[in-house]
Full PDB file with SEQRES, HELIX, SHEET, SSBOND, CRYST1, ORIGX, SCALE, CONECT and MASTER records, all heavy atoms in Angstrom:
SEQRES   1 A   28  PHE VAL PHE VAL ILE VAL PHE SER GLY ILE ILE ALA GLY          
SEQRES   2 A   28  LEU VAL PHE ILE SER SER LYS GLU ASP ILE PRO ALA GLN          
SEQRES   3 A   28  ALA LEU                                                      
SHEET    1 AA1 2 VAL A   2  ILE A   5  0                                        
SHEET    2 AA1 2 ILE A  11  LEU A  14 -1                                        
CRYST1    1.000    1.000    1.000  90.00  90.00  90.00 P 1           1          
ORIGX1      1.000000  0.000000  0.000000        0.00000                         
ORIGX2      0.000000  1.000000  0.000000        0.00000                         
ORIGX3      0.000000  0.000000  1.000000        0.00000                         
SCALE1      1.000000  0.000000  0.000000        0.00000                         
SCALE2      0.000000  1.000000  0.000000        0.00000                         
SCALE3      0.000000  0.000000  1.000000        0.00000                         
ATOM      1  N   PHE A   1     -62.220 -36.148 -35.052  1.00  0.00           N  
ATOM      2  CA  PHE A   1     -61.474 -35.458 -34.014  1.00  0.00           C  
ATOM      3  C   PHE A   1     -61.509 -33.962 -34.324  1.00  0.00           C  
ATOM      4  O   PHE A   1     -60.993 -33.531 -35.338  1.00  0.00           O  
ATOM      5  CB  PHE A   1     -60.017 -35.958 -33.974  1.00  0.00           C  
ATOM      6  CG  PHE A   1     -59.900 -37.391 -33.543  1.00  0.00           C  
ATOM      7  CD1 PHE A   1     -59.978 -38.404 -34.470  1.00  0.00           C  
ATOM      8  CD2 PHE A   1     -59.758 -37.703 -32.194  1.00  0.00           C  
ATOM      9  CE1 PHE A   1     -59.907 -39.721 -34.072  1.00  0.00           C  
ATOM     10  CE2 PHE A   1     -59.694 -39.022 -31.784  1.00  0.00           C  
ATOM     11  CZ  PHE A   1     -59.741 -40.021 -32.719  1.00  0.00           C  
ATOM     12  N   VAL A   2     -62.123 -33.227 -33.465  1.00  0.00           N  
ATOM     13  CA  VAL A   2     -62.259 -31.790 -33.660  1.00  0.00           C  
ATOM     14  C   VAL A   2     -61.665 -31.100 -32.460  1.00  0.00           C  
ATOM     15  O   VAL A   2     -62.070 -31.378 -31.333  1.00  0.00           O  
ATOM     16  CB  VAL A   2     -63.763 -31.378 -33.828  1.00  0.00           C  
ATOM     17  CG1 VAL A   2     -63.850 -29.871 -34.015  1.00  0.00           C  
ATOM     18  CG2 VAL A   2     -64.370 -32.102 -35.003  1.00  0.00           C  
ATOM     19  N   PHE A   3     -60.727 -30.209 -32.686  1.00  0.00           N  
ATOM     20  CA  PHE A   3     -60.060 -29.512 -31.578  1.00  0.00           C  
ATOM     21  C   PHE A   3     -60.687 -28.149 -31.420  1.00  0.00           C  
ATOM     22  O   PHE A   3     -60.654 -27.320 -32.325  1.00  0.00           O  
ATOM     23  CB  PHE A   3     -58.572 -29.424 -31.851  1.00  0.00           C  
ATOM     24  CG  PHE A   3     -57.920 -30.778 -31.882  1.00  0.00           C  
ATOM     25  CD1 PHE A   3     -57.751 -31.437 -33.084  1.00  0.00           C  
ATOM     26  CD2 PHE A   3     -57.517 -31.414 -30.715  1.00  0.00           C  
ATOM     27  CE1 PHE A   3     -57.185 -32.682 -33.134  1.00  0.00           C  
ATOM     28  CE2 PHE A   3     -56.961 -32.659 -30.751  1.00  0.00           C  
ATOM     29  CZ  PHE A   3     -56.798 -33.307 -31.962  1.00  0.00           C  
ATOM     30  N   VAL A   4     -61.260 -27.915 -30.267  1.00  0.00           N  
ATOM     31  CA  VAL A   4     -61.974 -26.678 -29.986  1.00  0.00           C  
ATOM     32  C   VAL A   4     -61.159 -25.870 -28.974  1.00  0.00           C  
ATOM     33  O   VAL A   4     -60.827 -26.356 -27.911  1.00  0.00           O  
ATOM     34  CB  VAL A   4     -63.374 -26.966 -29.382  1.00  0.00           C  
ATOM     35  CG1 VAL A   4     -64.104 -25.681 -29.100  1.00  0.00           C  
ATOM     36  CG2 VAL A   4     -64.145 -27.813 -30.367  1.00  0.00           C  
ATOM     37  N   ILE A   5     -60.865 -24.610 -29.322  1.00  0.00           N  
ATOM     38  CA  ILE A   5     -60.130 -23.755 -28.408  1.00  0.00           C  
ATOM     39  C   ILE A   5     -61.121 -22.977 -27.564  1.00  0.00           C  
ATOM     40  O   ILE A   5     -61.955 -22.246 -28.068  1.00  0.00           O  
ATOM     41  CB  ILE A   5     -59.217 -22.785 -29.170  1.00  0.00           C  
ATOM     42  CG1 ILE A   5     -58.171 -23.560 -29.960  1.00  0.00           C  
ATOM     43  CG2 ILE A   5     -58.537 -21.829 -28.200  1.00  0.00           C  
ATOM     44  CD1 ILE A   5     -57.306 -22.661 -30.814  1.00  0.00           C  
ATOM     45  N   VAL A   6     -61.066 -23.124 -26.268  1.00  0.00           N  
ATOM     46  CA  VAL A   6     -61.951 -22.416 -25.351  1.00  0.00           C  
ATOM     47  C   VAL A   6     -61.118 -21.256 -24.797  1.00  0.00           C  
ATOM     48  O   VAL A   6     -60.071 -21.485 -24.197  1.00  0.00           O  
ATOM     49  CB  VAL A   6     -62.420 -23.337 -24.221  1.00  0.00           C  
ATOM     50  CG1 VAL A   6     -63.356 -22.589 -23.293  1.00  0.00           C  
ATOM     51  CG2 VAL A   6     -63.103 -24.558 -24.821  1.00  0.00           C  
ATOM     52  N   PHE A   7     -61.585 -20.030 -24.939  1.00  0.00           N  
ATOM     53  CA  PHE A   7     -60.772 -18.861 -24.623  1.00  0.00           C  
ATOM     54  C   PHE A   7     -60.589 -18.635 -23.143  1.00  0.00           C  
ATOM     55  O   PHE A   7     -59.911 -17.697 -22.745  1.00  0.00           O  
ATOM     56  CB  PHE A   7     -61.374 -17.614 -25.319  1.00  0.00           C  
ATOM     57  CG  PHE A   7     -61.250 -17.681 -26.791  1.00  0.00           C  
ATOM     58  CD1 PHE A   7     -62.328 -18.005 -27.576  1.00  0.00           C  
ATOM     59  CD2 PHE A   7     -60.015 -17.472 -27.396  1.00  0.00           C  
ATOM     60  CE1 PHE A   7     -62.196 -18.103 -28.946  1.00  0.00           C  
ATOM     61  CE2 PHE A   7     -59.900 -17.544 -28.785  1.00  0.00           C  
ATOM     62  CZ  PHE A   7     -61.002 -17.855 -29.561  1.00  0.00           C  
ATOM     63  N   SER A   8     -61.169 -19.441 -22.314  1.00  0.00           N  
ATOM     64  CA  SER A   8     -60.874 -19.372 -20.890  1.00  0.00           C  
ATOM     65  C   SER A   8     -59.506 -19.954 -20.587  1.00  0.00           C  
ATOM     66  O   SER A   8     -59.051 -19.924 -19.461  1.00  0.00           O  
ATOM     67  CB  SER A   8     -61.941 -20.138 -20.097  1.00  0.00           C  
ATOM     68  OG  SER A   8     -61.934 -21.499 -20.477  1.00  0.00           O  
ATOM     69  N   GLY A   9     -58.843 -20.490 -21.610  1.00  0.00           N  
ATOM     70  CA  GLY A   9     -57.520 -21.063 -21.418  1.00  0.00           C  
ATOM     71  C   GLY A   9     -57.465 -22.555 -21.539  1.00  0.00           C  
ATOM     72  O   GLY A   9     -56.418 -23.143 -21.479  1.00  0.00           O  
ATOM     73  N   ILE A  10     -58.654 -23.200 -21.733  1.00  0.00           N  
ATOM     74  CA  ILE A  10     -58.693 -24.652 -21.864  1.00  0.00           C  
ATOM     75  C   ILE A  10     -58.673 -24.989 -23.350  1.00  0.00           C  
ATOM     76  O   ILE A  10     -59.388 -24.397 -24.134  1.00  0.00           O  
ATOM     77  CB  ILE A  10     -59.973 -25.220 -21.229  1.00  0.00           C  
ATOM     78  CG1 ILE A  10     -59.902 -25.050 -19.721  1.00  0.00           C  
ATOM     79  CG2 ILE A  10     -60.152 -26.682 -21.587  1.00  0.00           C  
ATOM     80  CD1 ILE A  10     -61.148 -25.531 -19.048  1.00  0.00           C  
ATOM     81  N   ILE A  11     -57.846 -25.964 -23.713  1.00  0.00           N  
ATOM     82  CA  ILE A  11     -57.867 -26.496 -25.066  1.00  0.00           C  
ATOM     83  C   ILE A  11     -58.341 -27.923 -24.949  1.00  0.00           C  
ATOM     84  O   ILE A  11     -57.666 -28.759 -24.374  1.00  0.00           O  
ATOM     85  CB  ILE A  11     -56.491 -26.428 -25.738  1.00  0.00           C  
ATOM     86  CG1 ILE A  11     -55.994 -24.975 -25.809  1.00  0.00           C  
ATOM     87  CG2 ILE A  11     -56.535 -27.040 -27.107  1.00  0.00           C  
ATOM     88  CD1 ILE A  11     -54.621 -24.838 -26.418  1.00  0.00           C  
ATOM     89  N   ALA A  12     -59.529 -28.161 -25.461  1.00  0.00           N  
ATOM     90  CA  ALA A  12     -60.124 -29.489 -25.310  1.00  0.00           C  
ATOM     91  C   ALA A  12     -60.262 -30.174 -26.668  1.00  0.00           C  
ATOM     92  O   ALA A  12     -60.723 -29.575 -27.617  1.00  0.00           O  
ATOM     93  CB  ALA A  12     -61.511 -29.376 -24.664  1.00  0.00           C  
ATOM     94  N   GLY A  13     -59.841 -31.431 -26.736  1.00  0.00           N  
ATOM     95  CA  GLY A  13     -60.024 -32.214 -27.959  1.00  0.00           C  
ATOM     96  C   GLY A  13     -61.317 -32.980 -27.843  1.00  0.00           C  
ATOM     97  O   GLY A  13     -61.477 -33.804 -26.945  1.00  0.00           O  
ATOM     98  N   LEU A  14     -62.243 -32.708 -28.737  1.00  0.00           N  
ATOM     99  CA  LEU A  14     -63.528 -33.370 -28.699  1.00  0.00           C  
ATOM    100  C   LEU A  14     -63.578 -34.446 -29.764  1.00  0.00           C  
ATOM    101  O   LEU A  14     -63.214 -34.220 -30.917  1.00  0.00           O  
ATOM    102  CB  LEU A  14     -64.665 -32.372 -28.976  1.00  0.00           C  
ATOM    103  CG  LEU A  14     -64.878 -31.262 -27.960  1.00  0.00           C  
ATOM    104  CD1 LEU A  14     -66.079 -30.423 -28.377  1.00  0.00           C  
ATOM    105  CD2 LEU A  14     -65.078 -31.836 -26.591  1.00  0.00           C  
ATOM    106  N   VAL A  15     -64.040 -35.625 -29.402  1.00  0.00           N  
ATOM    107  CA  VAL A  15     -64.241 -36.705 -30.374  1.00  0.00           C  
ATOM    108  C   VAL A  15     -65.707 -36.738 -30.700  1.00  0.00           C  
ATOM    109  O   VAL A  15     -66.532 -37.007 -29.834  1.00  0.00           O  
ATOM    110  CB  VAL A  15     -63.793 -38.049 -29.804  1.00  0.00           C  
ATOM    111  CG1 VAL A  15     -63.993 -39.164 -30.836  1.00  0.00           C  
ATOM    112  CG2 VAL A  15     -62.347 -38.004 -29.357  1.00  0.00           C  
ATOM    113  N   PHE A  16     -66.024 -36.472 -31.934  1.00  0.00           N  
ATOM    114  CA  PHE A  16     -67.436 -36.478 -32.343  1.00  0.00           C  
ATOM    115  C   PHE A  16     -67.737 -37.817 -32.969  1.00  0.00           C  
ATOM    116  O   PHE A  16     -67.265 -38.151 -34.046  1.00  0.00           O  
ATOM    117  CB  PHE A  16     -67.720 -35.373 -33.353  1.00  0.00           C  
ATOM    118  CG  PHE A  16     -67.584 -34.013 -32.779  1.00  0.00           C  
ATOM    119  CD1 PHE A  16     -66.479 -33.243 -33.077  1.00  0.00           C  
ATOM    120  CD2 PHE A  16     -68.527 -33.532 -31.906  1.00  0.00           C  
ATOM    121  CE1 PHE A  16     -66.328 -31.978 -32.524  1.00  0.00           C  
ATOM    122  CE2 PHE A  16     -68.388 -32.296 -31.354  1.00  0.00           C  
ATOM    123  CZ  PHE A  16     -67.290 -31.512 -31.675  1.00  0.00           C  
ATOM    124  N   ILE A  17     -68.550 -38.606 -32.269  1.00  0.00           N  
ATOM    125  CA  ILE A  17     -68.995 -39.894 -32.825  1.00  0.00           C  
ATOM    126  C   ILE A  17     -70.337 -39.647 -33.468  1.00  0.00           C  
ATOM    127  O   ILE A  17     -71.310 -39.341 -32.776  1.00  0.00           O  
ATOM    128  CB  ILE A  17     -69.111 -40.934 -31.696  1.00  0.00           C  
ATOM    129  CG1 ILE A  17     -67.788 -41.063 -30.959  1.00  0.00           C  
ATOM    130  CG2 ILE A  17     -69.539 -42.270 -32.287  1.00  0.00           C  
ATOM    131  CD1 ILE A  17     -67.864 -41.979 -29.780  1.00  0.00           C  
ATOM    132  N   SER A  18     -70.387 -39.724 -34.769  1.00  0.00           N  
ATOM    133  CA  SER A  18     -71.589 -39.303 -35.454  1.00  0.00           C  
ATOM    134  C   SER A  18     -72.510 -40.459 -35.788  1.00  0.00           C  
ATOM    135  O   SER A  18     -73.338 -40.833 -34.961  1.00  0.00           O  
ATOM    136  CB  SER A  18     -71.253 -38.502 -36.718  1.00  0.00           C  
ATOM    137  OG  SER A  18     -70.358 -39.217 -37.538  1.00  0.00           O  
ATOM    138  N   SER A  19     -72.336 -41.069 -36.909  1.00  0.00           N  
ATOM    139  CA  SER A  19     -73.351 -42.051 -37.324  1.00  0.00           C  
ATOM    140  C   SER A  19     -72.722 -43.305 -37.872  1.00  0.00           C  
ATOM    141  O   SER A  19     -71.545 -43.362 -38.202  1.00  0.00           O  
ATOM    142  CB  SER A  19     -74.235 -41.422 -38.400  1.00  0.00           C  
ATOM    143  OG  SER A  19     -73.471 -41.268 -39.575  1.00  0.00           O  
ATOM    144  N   LYS A  20     -73.530 -44.351 -37.989  1.00  0.00           N  
ATOM    145  CA  LYS A  20     -73.103 -45.474 -38.796  1.00  0.00           C  
ATOM    146  C   LYS A  20     -73.019 -45.025 -40.249  1.00  0.00           C  
ATOM    147  O   LYS A  20     -73.779 -44.178 -40.701  1.00  0.00           O  
ATOM    148  CB  LYS A  20     -74.119 -46.613 -38.695  1.00  0.00           C  
ATOM    149  CG  LYS A  20     -74.086 -47.328 -37.376  1.00  0.00           C  
ATOM    150  CD  LYS A  20     -74.856 -48.633 -37.411  1.00  0.00           C  
ATOM    151  CE  LYS A  20     -76.322 -48.404 -37.744  1.00  0.00           C  
ATOM    152  NZ  LYS A  20     -77.063 -49.673 -37.732  1.00  0.00           N  
ATOM    153  N   GLU A  21     -72.064 -45.600 -40.988  1.00  0.00           N  
ATOM    154  CA  GLU A  21     -71.851 -45.147 -42.352  1.00  0.00           C  
ATOM    155  C   GLU A  21     -73.094 -45.371 -43.232  1.00  0.00           C  
ATOM    156  O   GLU A  21     -73.248 -44.699 -44.234  1.00  0.00           O  
ATOM    157  CB  GLU A  21     -70.635 -45.845 -42.942  1.00  0.00           C  
ATOM    158  CG  GLU A  21     -69.322 -45.418 -42.263  1.00  0.00           C  
ATOM    159  CD  GLU A  21     -68.131 -46.117 -42.838  1.00  0.00           C  
ATOM    160  OE1 GLU A  21     -68.317 -46.960 -43.737  1.00  0.00           O  
ATOM    161  OE2 GLU A  21     -67.012 -45.844 -42.392  1.00  0.00           O  
ATOM    162  N   ASP A  22     -73.935 -46.317 -42.889  1.00  0.00           N  
ATOM    163  CA  ASP A  22     -75.061 -46.628 -43.734  1.00  0.00           C  
ATOM    164  C   ASP A  22     -76.357 -45.949 -43.291  1.00  0.00           C  
ATOM    165  O   ASP A  22     -77.439 -46.249 -43.760  1.00  0.00           O  
ATOM    166  CB  ASP A  22     -75.284 -48.162 -43.828  1.00  0.00           C  
ATOM    167  CG  ASP A  22     -75.512 -48.795 -42.466  1.00  0.00           C  
ATOM    168  OD1 ASP A  22     -75.294 -48.118 -41.447  1.00  0.00           O  
ATOM    169  OD2 ASP A  22     -75.912 -49.972 -42.444  1.00  0.00           O  
ATOM    170  N   ILE A  23     -76.275 -45.015 -42.331  1.00  0.00           N  
ATOM    171  CA  ILE A  23     -77.454 -44.301 -41.921  1.00  0.00           C  
ATOM    172  C   ILE A  23     -77.773 -43.210 -42.932  1.00  0.00           C  
ATOM    173  O   ILE A  23     -76.937 -42.308 -43.145  1.00  0.00           O  
ATOM    174  CB  ILE A  23     -77.290 -43.654 -40.523  1.00  0.00           C  
ATOM    175  CG1 ILE A  23     -77.186 -44.754 -39.462  1.00  0.00           C  
ATOM    176  CG2 ILE A  23     -78.451 -42.712 -40.198  1.00  0.00           C  
ATOM    177  CD1 ILE A  23     -76.935 -44.216 -38.060  1.00  0.00           C  
ATOM    178  N   PRO A  24     -78.910 -43.243 -43.581  1.00  0.00           N  
ATOM    179  CA  PRO A  24     -79.232 -42.210 -44.559  1.00  0.00           C  
ATOM    180  C   PRO A  24     -79.542 -40.877 -43.843  1.00  0.00           C  
ATOM    181  O   PRO A  24     -80.169 -40.835 -42.801  1.00  0.00           O  
ATOM    182  CB  PRO A  24     -80.482 -42.738 -45.270  1.00  0.00           C  
ATOM    183  CG  PRO A  24     -81.128 -43.630 -44.249  1.00  0.00           C  
ATOM    184  CD  PRO A  24     -79.985 -44.247 -43.480  1.00  0.00           C  
ATOM    185  N   ALA A  25     -79.029 -39.791 -44.414  1.00  0.00           N  
ATOM    186  CA  ALA A  25     -79.318 -38.471 -43.850  1.00  0.00           C  
ATOM    187  C   ALA A  25     -79.714 -37.562 -44.992  1.00  0.00           C  
ATOM    188  O   ALA A  25     -79.165 -37.635 -46.092  1.00  0.00           O  
ATOM    189  CB  ALA A  25     -78.085 -37.929 -43.115  1.00  0.00           C  
ATOM    190  N   GLN A  26     -80.678 -36.708 -44.747  1.00  0.00           N  
ATOM    191  CA  GLN A  26     -81.174 -35.796 -45.764  1.00  0.00           C  
ATOM    192  C   GLN A  26     -80.902 -34.361 -45.341  1.00  0.00           C  
ATOM    193  O   GLN A  26     -81.024 -33.999 -44.183  1.00  0.00           O  
ATOM    194  CB  GLN A  26     -82.671 -35.983 -45.969  1.00  0.00           C  
ATOM    195  CG  GLN A  26     -83.051 -37.363 -46.488  1.00  0.00           C  
ATOM    196  CD  GLN A  26     -84.555 -37.519 -46.694  1.00  0.00           C  
ATOM    197  OE1 GLN A  26     -85.344 -36.709 -46.222  1.00  0.00           O  
ATOM    198  NE2 GLN A  26     -84.932 -38.567 -47.382  1.00  0.00           N  
ATOM    199  N   ALA A  27     -80.519 -33.547 -46.329  1.00  0.00           N  
ATOM    200  CA  ALA A  27     -80.274 -32.123 -46.073  1.00  0.00           C  
ATOM    201  C   ALA A  27     -81.584 -31.424 -45.706  1.00  0.00           C  
ATOM    202  O   ALA A  27     -82.642 -31.709 -46.265  1.00  0.00           O  
ATOM    203  CB  ALA A  27     -79.655 -31.454 -47.297  1.00  0.00           C  
ATOM    204  N   LEU A  28     -81.492 -30.534 -44.731  1.00  0.00           N  
ATOM    205  CA  LEU A  28     -82.667 -29.777 -44.312  1.00  0.00           C  
ATOM    206  C   LEU A  28     -82.897 -28.590 -45.241  1.00  0.00           C  
ATOM    207  O   LEU A  28     -81.947 -27.931 -45.678  1.00  0.00           O  
ATOM    208  CB  LEU A  28     -82.476 -29.225 -42.880  1.00  0.00           C  
ATOM    209  CG  LEU A  28     -82.385 -30.273 -41.774  1.00  0.00           C  
ATOM    210  CD1 LEU A  28     -82.145 -29.567 -40.432  1.00  0.00           C  
ATOM    211  CD2 LEU A  28     -83.646 -31.124 -41.701  1.00  0.00           C  
TER     212      LEU A  28                                                      
MASTER        0    0    0    0    2    0    0    6  211    1    0    3          
END                                                                             
């Protein structure tokens, strides 16, 4: 749950659905 403040006056709560816990990811 990431809360992003938009300076136009909107406060939107964004839900970031990322990955399955077992998905391997490598740093770039």
